[in-house]
Protein backbone atom coordinates (compact mmCIF):
# COMPACT_ATOMS: atom_id res chain seq x y z
CA PRO A 1 13.63 0.71 -8.83
CA TYR A 2 11.50 3.70 -7.79
CA PRO A 3 12.18 7.40 -7.14
CA ALA A 4 13.42 8.53 -3.73
CA HIS A 5 10.48 9.40 -1.51
CA GLY A 6 12.23 10.99 1.47
CA MET A 7 9.85 9.45 4.02
CA THR A 8 11.00 9.53 7.64
CA GLN A 9 10.14 6.84 10.19
CA ARG A 10 7.64 9.26 11.73
CA GLU A 11 5.96 9.83 8.35
CA TRP A 12 5.83 6.09 7.69
CA ALA A 13 3.97 5.70 10.99
CA ASP A 14 1.14 7.83 9.55
CA VAL A 15 0.60 5.39 6.67
CA PRO A 16 -2.12 2.91 7.72
CA PRO A 17 -1.14 -0.75 7.47
CA GLN A 18 -2.91 -3.05 5.04
CA GLN A 19 -2.55 -6.61 3.83
CA VAL A 20 -0.28 -7.27 0.86
CA ARG A 21 0.05 -10.65 -0.82
CA LEU A 22 3.56 -12.07 -0.48
CA ASP A 23 3.58 -13.18 -4.10
CA ASP A 24 2.95 -9.56 -5.18
CA LEU A 25 6.11 -8.25 -3.48
CA VAL A 26 9.37 -7.40 -5.24
CA THR A 27 12.32 -7.36 -2.84
CA THR A 28 14.83 -4.52 -2.93
CA LYS A 29 17.42 -6.11 -0.62
CA HIS A 30 19.56 -9.04 -1.69
CA GLN A 31 20.73 -10.12 1.76
CA LEU A 32 18.94 -11.05 4.95
CA ASP A 33 20.44 -10.46 8.38
CA LEU A 34 19.96 -13.86 10.00
CA ALA A 35 20.41 -12.42 13.50
CA MET A 36 17.52 -10.02 12.85
CA LEU A 37 15.35 -12.86 11.56
CA LEU A 38 15.95 -14.97 14.65
CA ASP A 39 15.67 -12.12 17.16
CA GLU A 40 12.24 -12.29 18.81
CA GLU A 41 12.50 -8.60 19.69
CA SER A 42 13.59 -7.44 16.23
CA THR A 43 10.63 -5.06 16.01
CA PHE A 44 11.15 -3.57 19.48
CA PHE A 45 12.92 -0.46 18.17
CA GLY A 46 11.45 -0.44 14.67
CA ASP A 47 8.10 -0.39 12.98
CA LEU A 48 5.86 -3.40 13.56
CA PHE A 49 4.88 -3.34 9.89
CA ALA A 50 6.90 -3.77 6.73
CA HIS A 51 7.35 -0.78 4.41
CA VAL A 52 6.20 -1.23 0.83
CA VAL A 53 6.44 1.28 -2.01
CA SER A 54 3.86 1.00 -4.77
CA TRP A 55 5.29 2.29 -8.05
CA ARG A 56 4.06 1.68 -11.59
CA GLY A 57 1.92 -1.28 -10.59
CA GLU A 58 4.62 -3.05 -8.57
CA PHE A 59 4.89 -3.46 -4.80
CA TYR A 60 8.50 -3.03 -3.68
CA LEU A 61 9.39 -4.34 -0.22
CA GLU A 62 11.62 -1.53 1.02
CA ASP A 63 11.93 -2.62 4.65
CA GLY A 64 10.77 -5.79 6.34
CA LEU A 65 12.33 -8.66 4.40
CA HIS A 66 12.65 -10.58 7.67
CA ARG A 67 8.92 -10.07 8.33
CA ALA A 68 8.04 -11.35 4.85
CA LEU A 69 10.23 -14.41 5.34
CA ARG A 70 8.67 -15.15 8.72
CA ALA A 71 5.20 -14.90 7.18
CA ALA A 72 6.21 -17.28 4.38
CA LEU A 73 7.73 -19.76 6.84
CA HIS A 74 4.42 -19.74 8.74
CA GLN A 75 2.67 -20.47 5.43
CA ARG A 76 0.86 -17.14 5.40
CA GLU A 77 -0.07 -15.66 2.04
CA VAL A 78 -0.22 -12.03 3.20
CA LEU A 79 1.93 -9.57 5.08
CA HIS A 80 0.71 -6.55 7.00
CA ALA A 81 2.56 -3.56 5.61
CA ARG A 82 2.45 0.19 5.30
CA VAL A 83 2.07 0.89 1.57
CA LEU A 84 3.27 4.21 0.18
CA VAL A 85 1.81 4.89 -3.26
CA LEU A 86 4.12 7.07 -5.34
CA ALA A 87 2.59 9.26 -8.00
CA GLN A 88 3.85 8.88 -11.58
CA GLU A 89 5.03 12.51 -11.45
CA ALA A 90 7.58 11.52 -8.80
CA ALA A 91 9.89 10.35 -11.59
CA SER A 92 10.15 13.85 -13.08
């Protein structure tokens, strides 16, 4: 739904986390790995924050669907995420 950004995990780590409303997120994955959701150490090897791509006024949840679901199950309205804002020129 958005242009490829080519961000590495290391580059994502440089994006400061911020709060994003769950009802503003558009998911990009259609399946959830239940084992990852239930694993208490699921963030041990990955980023603690979800990855969101902002493109043309939409917030796309690129990575962290399990984090968003956990937040929703705990009745939270926001998710802490790293938000990458893509410039409009990225589509060219």
